[in-house]
Amino acid sequence: SEVFLTLSSSSMHAAVGDAAETMSMLGKAGSVAGQHDFHYIFGASEFASDVIRIIQPTVGFEQLMLFPQQTLKLKHQALEAGRALSSARHDMERSMEKLEALELDIN
């Protein structure tokens, strides 16, 4: 998948930061002050009650940040396979062009 191949610790860090900010806003929406501050977020107070249930199963930020490093070899293998397929496709197209040229010469 393109997402897997382009995943980096910096992009994941930014995504987690944005998600944390949003979750903070939604989490505060359950309080009186939060409802006043974030009244414009449709469904925020309903969603705020689910924040803890969403966060609890995560294994930790450090584990998440290790994922791109731990899968680097797999990414290189996937990219190499893509290059090999691209090269094979290019070779096949050249062979087809030569075959078509030969057929034109015969006719």
Protein backbone atom coordinates (compact mmCIF):
# COMPACT_ATOMS: atom_id res chain seq x y z
CA SER A 1 0.00 0.00 0.00
CA GLU A 2 1.17 3.51 -0.74
CA VAL A 3 0.46 4.57 2.85
CA PHE A 4 2.76 1.85 4.22
CA LEU A 5 5.57 2.74 1.82
CA THR A 6 5.47 6.46 2.59
CA LEU A 7 5.05 6.08 6.35
CA SER A 8 7.76 7.79 8.35
CA SER A 9 8.19 8.58 12.02
CA SER A 10 7.88 12.31 11.30
CA SER A 11 4.55 11.96 9.45
CA MET A 12 3.27 9.63 12.16
CA HIS A 13 4.40 12.07 14.84
CA ALA A 14 2.49 14.88 13.14
CA ALA A 15 -0.63 12.74 12.71
CA VAL A 16 -0.57 11.65 16.35
CA GLY A 17 -0.08 15.27 17.43
CA ASP A 18 -3.08 16.42 15.40
CA ALA A 19 -5.15 13.52 16.69
CA ALA A 20 -4.14 14.30 20.28
CA GLU A 21 -5.16 17.92 19.84
CA THR A 22 -8.53 16.90 18.44
CA MET A 23 -9.03 14.30 21.16
CA SER A 24 -8.18 16.95 23.76
CA MET A 25 -10.82 19.26 22.35
CA LEU A 26 -13.37 16.46 22.25
CA GLY A 27 -12.41 15.24 25.71
CA LYS A 28 -12.97 18.71 27.15
CA ALA A 29 -16.34 18.85 25.43
CA GLY A 30 -17.73 16.63 28.21
CA SER A 31 -17.24 19.40 30.78
CA VAL A 32 -19.37 22.53 31.19
CA ALA A 33 -16.44 24.76 30.19
CA GLY A 34 -15.59 22.48 27.28
CA GLN A 35 -19.18 22.48 26.06
CA HIS A 36 -19.07 26.27 26.09
CA ASP A 37 -15.70 26.39 24.27
CA PHE A 38 -16.40 23.66 21.76
CA HIS A 39 -20.16 23.95 21.23
CA TYR A 40 -19.58 24.29 17.48
CA ILE A 41 -18.28 20.70 17.18
CA PHE A 42 -21.32 18.63 16.27
CA GLY A 43 -21.57 15.58 18.52
CA ALA A 44 -18.53 16.54 20.59
CA SER A 45 -20.01 15.81 24.00
CA GLU A 46 -21.29 12.43 22.81
CA PHE A 47 -17.90 11.62 21.33
CA ALA A 48 -16.05 12.82 24.42
CA SER A 49 -17.38 9.87 26.41
CA ASP A 50 -15.71 7.50 23.91
CA VAL A 51 -12.26 9.14 24.10
CA ILE A 52 -11.05 6.89 26.91
CA ARG A 53 -12.34 3.75 25.18
CA ILE A 54 -10.44 4.73 22.04
CA ILE A 55 -7.17 5.50 23.81
CA GLN A 56 -7.04 2.54 26.24
CA PRO A 57 -6.17 -0.22 23.72
CA THR A 58 -3.15 1.62 22.27
CA VAL A 59 0.20 0.06 23.13
CA GLY A 60 2.06 3.33 23.46
CA PHE A 61 3.53 6.15 21.48
CA GLU A 62 7.07 4.73 21.59
CA GLN A 63 5.89 1.43 20.07
CA LEU A 64 4.08 3.35 17.34
CA MET A 65 7.19 5.36 16.50
CA LEU A 66 9.30 2.18 16.24
CA PHE A 67 7.02 0.73 13.55
CA PRO A 68 8.58 2.60 10.57
CA GLN A 69 12.07 1.52 11.64
CA GLN A 70 11.05 -2.09 12.22
CA THR A 71 9.42 -2.36 8.79
CA LEU A 72 12.17 -0.63 6.79
CA LYS A 73 13.44 -3.90 5.28
CA LEU A 74 9.90 -4.81 4.15
CA LYS A 75 9.49 -1.39 2.54
CA HIS A 76 12.74 -1.84 0.59
CA GLN A 77 11.63 -5.30 -0.56
CA ALA A 78 8.26 -3.95 -1.70
CA LEU A 79 9.90 -1.07 -3.58
CA GLU A 80 12.37 -3.45 -5.24
CA ALA A 81 9.51 -5.72 -6.33
CA GLY A 82 7.77 -2.67 -7.80
CA ARG A 83 10.90 -1.71 -9.72
CA ALA A 84 11.24 -5.27 -11.06
CA LEU A 85 7.61 -5.25 -12.22
CA SER A 86 8.05 -1.87 -13.85
CA SER A 87 11.17 -3.06 -15.65
CA ALA A 88 9.44 -6.25 -16.81
CA ARG A 89 6.46 -4.22 -18.09
CA HIS A 90 8.80 -1.88 -19.95
CA ASP A 91 10.67 -4.85 -21.51
CA MET A 92 7.38 -6.45 -22.54
CA GLU A 93 6.18 -3.22 -24.16
CA ARG A 94 9.45 -2.92 -26.13
CA SER A 95 9.12 -6.55 -27.24
CA MET A 96 5.53 -5.92 -28.37
CA GLU A 97 6.62 -2.85 -30.34
CA LYS A 98 9.35 -4.90 -32.08
CA LEU A 99 6.86 -7.67 -32.84
CA GLU A 100 4.38 -5.18 -34.29
CA ALA A 101 7.15 -3.67 -36.43
CA LEU A 102 8.07 -7.13 -37.75
CA GLU A 103 4.44 -7.86 -38.58
CA LEU A 104 4.22 -4.59 -40.52
CA ASP A 105 7.36 -5.51 -42.48
CA ILE A 106 5.90 -8.93 -43.36
CA ASN A 107 2.61 -7.45 -44.57
